[in-house]
Amino acid sequence: MNSTAGFLDLLFILLLATLGLLSESVRLSAVDLAPATAGGGGVSAVSADDVAVLAVAADHLRYDGQAYGHVNDLPDAARPGPAGTLLIVPTDDTVPHQAVITAWSDATARGWATALGVRLDEGAE
C-alpha cells in the first residue's frame, strides 16, 4: 500500500512540475486601450429650436418644469417635432448611468428621435 501512495505522490509532483513549466512557456500579452473621452468622435451639433430636453435625476425625470416617474408618463406633446430631437441629459454627476440609458431606451421605444447629452460643468469648454 505504501508503494501506491508513493506512486500517487510522485504523479502529483510531476503534474505540478509540468504545470509550472508550461506556465513559464506561455506568455500572455496585454492589449493597449485608450479610454473614451467625452465628446471624442461622437459630437453633433443640435439647434436649440429642434431640441426638447429631458433631464434625468436619480429618482425622477424633468420635462418642461414638471416631474415624471417614467418616460411612459410623459404626455404625447413631449414628442419632438418631425425635425426635433429629445435630448436626454443627466441632472448631475450622481445620476446612475442605468437611469439615463433606461430613459433613452424607453423614449426610443416610443418612436421618438432621441440623443444623449452630457452636462458640462460651468466654466468648462
Protein backbone atom coordinates (compact mmCIF):
# COMPACT_ATOMS: atom_id res chain seq x y z
CA MET A 1 0.00 0.00 0.00
CA ASN A 2 2.95 2.30 0.62
CA SER A 3 4.17 1.92 -2.94
CA THR A 4 0.76 3.01 -4.29
CA ALA A 5 0.69 6.13 -2.11
CA GLY A 6 4.28 6.93 -3.07
CA PHE A 7 3.46 6.49 -6.75
CA LEU A 8 0.45 8.84 -6.50
CA ASP A 9 2.59 11.42 -4.69
CA LEU A 10 5.16 11.18 -7.48
CA LEU A 11 2.47 11.65 -10.15
CA PHE A 12 1.12 14.70 -8.32
CA ILE A 13 4.60 16.22 -8.06
CA LEU A 14 5.22 15.60 -11.77
CA LEU A 15 1.85 17.18 -12.63
CA LEU A 16 2.70 20.30 -10.64
CA ALA A 17 6.15 20.50 -12.22
CA THR A 18 4.63 20.21 -15.70
CA LEU A 19 2.14 22.96 -14.95
CA GLY A 20 4.96 25.14 -13.63
CA LEU A 21 7.00 24.64 -16.80
CA LEU A 22 4.00 25.30 -19.04
CA SER A 23 3.12 28.50 -17.20
CA GLU A 24 6.62 29.82 -17.90
CA SER A 25 6.43 28.96 -21.61
CA VAL A 26 3.07 30.59 -22.34
CA ARG A 27 3.24 34.36 -22.42
CA LEU A 28 0.12 36.45 -22.10
CA SER A 29 0.24 39.92 -23.54
CA ALA A 30 -2.00 42.85 -22.80
CA VAL A 31 -3.86 44.96 -25.33
CA ASP A 32 -3.27 48.69 -25.19
CA LEU A 33 -6.54 50.56 -24.81
CA ALA A 34 -7.26 54.25 -24.83
CA PRO A 35 -10.24 55.23 -22.67
CA ALA A 36 -13.01 57.18 -24.38
CA THR A 37 -13.23 60.89 -23.72
CA ALA A 38 -16.47 62.82 -23.53
CA GLY A 39 -17.22 64.24 -26.95
CA GLY A 40 -14.49 62.26 -28.62
CA GLY A 41 -15.80 61.50 -32.09
CA GLY A 42 -19.47 61.47 -31.20
CA VAL A 43 -20.26 65.16 -31.14
CA SER A 44 -23.05 66.51 -33.27
CA ALA A 45 -24.47 69.98 -33.39
CA VAL A 46 -28.10 70.49 -32.47
CA SER A 47 -30.12 73.63 -32.87
CA ALA A 48 -31.94 74.88 -29.77
CA ASP A 49 -35.13 75.20 -31.83
CA ASP A 50 -35.10 71.50 -32.69
CA VAL A 51 -34.49 70.12 -29.18
CA ALA A 52 -36.70 69.16 -26.27
CA VAL A 53 -34.67 68.49 -23.11
CA LEU A 54 -35.46 65.64 -20.75
CA ALA A 55 -33.44 65.89 -17.53
CA VAL A 56 -32.82 62.60 -15.75
CA ALA A 57 -32.40 62.67 -11.97
CA ALA A 58 -31.69 59.66 -9.78
CA ASP A 59 -35.36 59.15 -8.88
CA HIS A 60 -37.40 61.12 -11.44
CA LEU A 61 -37.44 62.81 -14.85
CA ARG A 62 -37.97 66.51 -15.52
CA TYR A 63 -39.61 67.78 -18.67
CA ASP A 64 -40.95 71.29 -19.21
CA GLY A 65 -40.81 72.10 -15.48
CA GLN A 66 -42.81 69.00 -14.48
CA ALA A 67 -41.58 65.87 -12.67
CA TYR A 68 -42.40 62.42 -14.07
CA GLY A 69 -41.62 58.93 -12.80
CA HIS A 70 -41.00 57.25 -16.16
CA VAL A 71 -40.80 58.12 -19.85
CA ASN A 72 -44.16 56.43 -20.39
CA ASP A 73 -45.70 59.04 -18.04
CA LEU A 74 -44.68 61.87 -20.38
CA PRO A 75 -47.52 63.39 -22.39
CA ASP A 76 -47.59 62.79 -26.15
CA ALA A 77 -46.93 66.53 -26.55
CA ALA A 78 -43.41 65.86 -25.28
CA ARG A 79 -42.66 64.07 -28.54
CA PRO A 80 -40.25 66.20 -30.57
CA GLY A 81 -41.48 67.52 -33.90
CA PRO A 82 -40.55 65.88 -37.21
CA ALA A 83 -37.11 67.53 -37.29
CA GLY A 84 -36.73 67.56 -33.50
CA THR A 85 -34.82 65.50 -31.00
CA LEU A 86 -35.49 64.63 -27.39
CA LEU A 87 -32.15 65.35 -25.75
CA ILE A 88 -31.67 63.23 -22.63
CA VAL A 89 -29.28 64.76 -20.10
CA PRO A 90 -28.37 63.77 -16.51
CA THR A 91 -29.08 66.46 -13.90
CA ASP A 92 -25.79 65.94 -12.05
CA ASP A 93 -22.88 63.55 -11.55
CA THR A 94 -24.78 61.38 -9.05
CA VAL A 95 -27.30 60.12 -11.61
CA PRO A 96 -26.70 56.42 -12.31
CA HIS A 97 -25.74 55.55 -15.88
CA GLN A 98 -28.54 52.97 -15.93
CA ALA A 99 -31.19 55.68 -15.30
CA VAL A 100 -30.04 57.68 -18.35
CA ILE A 101 -29.86 54.61 -20.59
CA THR A 102 -33.30 53.43 -19.43
CA ALA A 103 -34.84 56.83 -20.24
CA TRP A 104 -33.16 56.83 -23.65
CA SER A 105 -34.30 53.27 -24.38
CA ASP A 106 -37.90 53.95 -23.30
CA ALA A 107 -38.12 57.14 -25.38
CA THR A 108 -36.67 55.37 -28.41
CA ALA A 109 -39.17 52.53 -27.92
CA ARG A 110 -41.97 55.12 -28.11
CA GLY A 111 -40.68 56.01 -31.57
CA TRP A 112 -39.17 59.35 -30.59
CA ALA A 113 -35.97 60.70 -32.09
CA THR A 114 -33.54 60.76 -29.16
CA ALA A 115 -29.99 61.77 -28.40
CA LEU A 116 -27.82 61.53 -25.32
CA GLY A 117 -26.29 64.69 -23.94
CA VAL A 118 -23.79 65.47 -21.23
CA ARG A 119 -23.95 68.10 -18.54
CA LEU A 120 -20.90 70.35 -18.66
CA ASP A 121 -19.60 71.99 -15.53
CA GLU A 122 -19.70 75.76 -15.56
CA GLY A 123 -16.52 77.20 -16.98
CA ALA A 124 -15.69 74.03 -18.90
CA GLU A 125 -15.16 74.30 -22.63
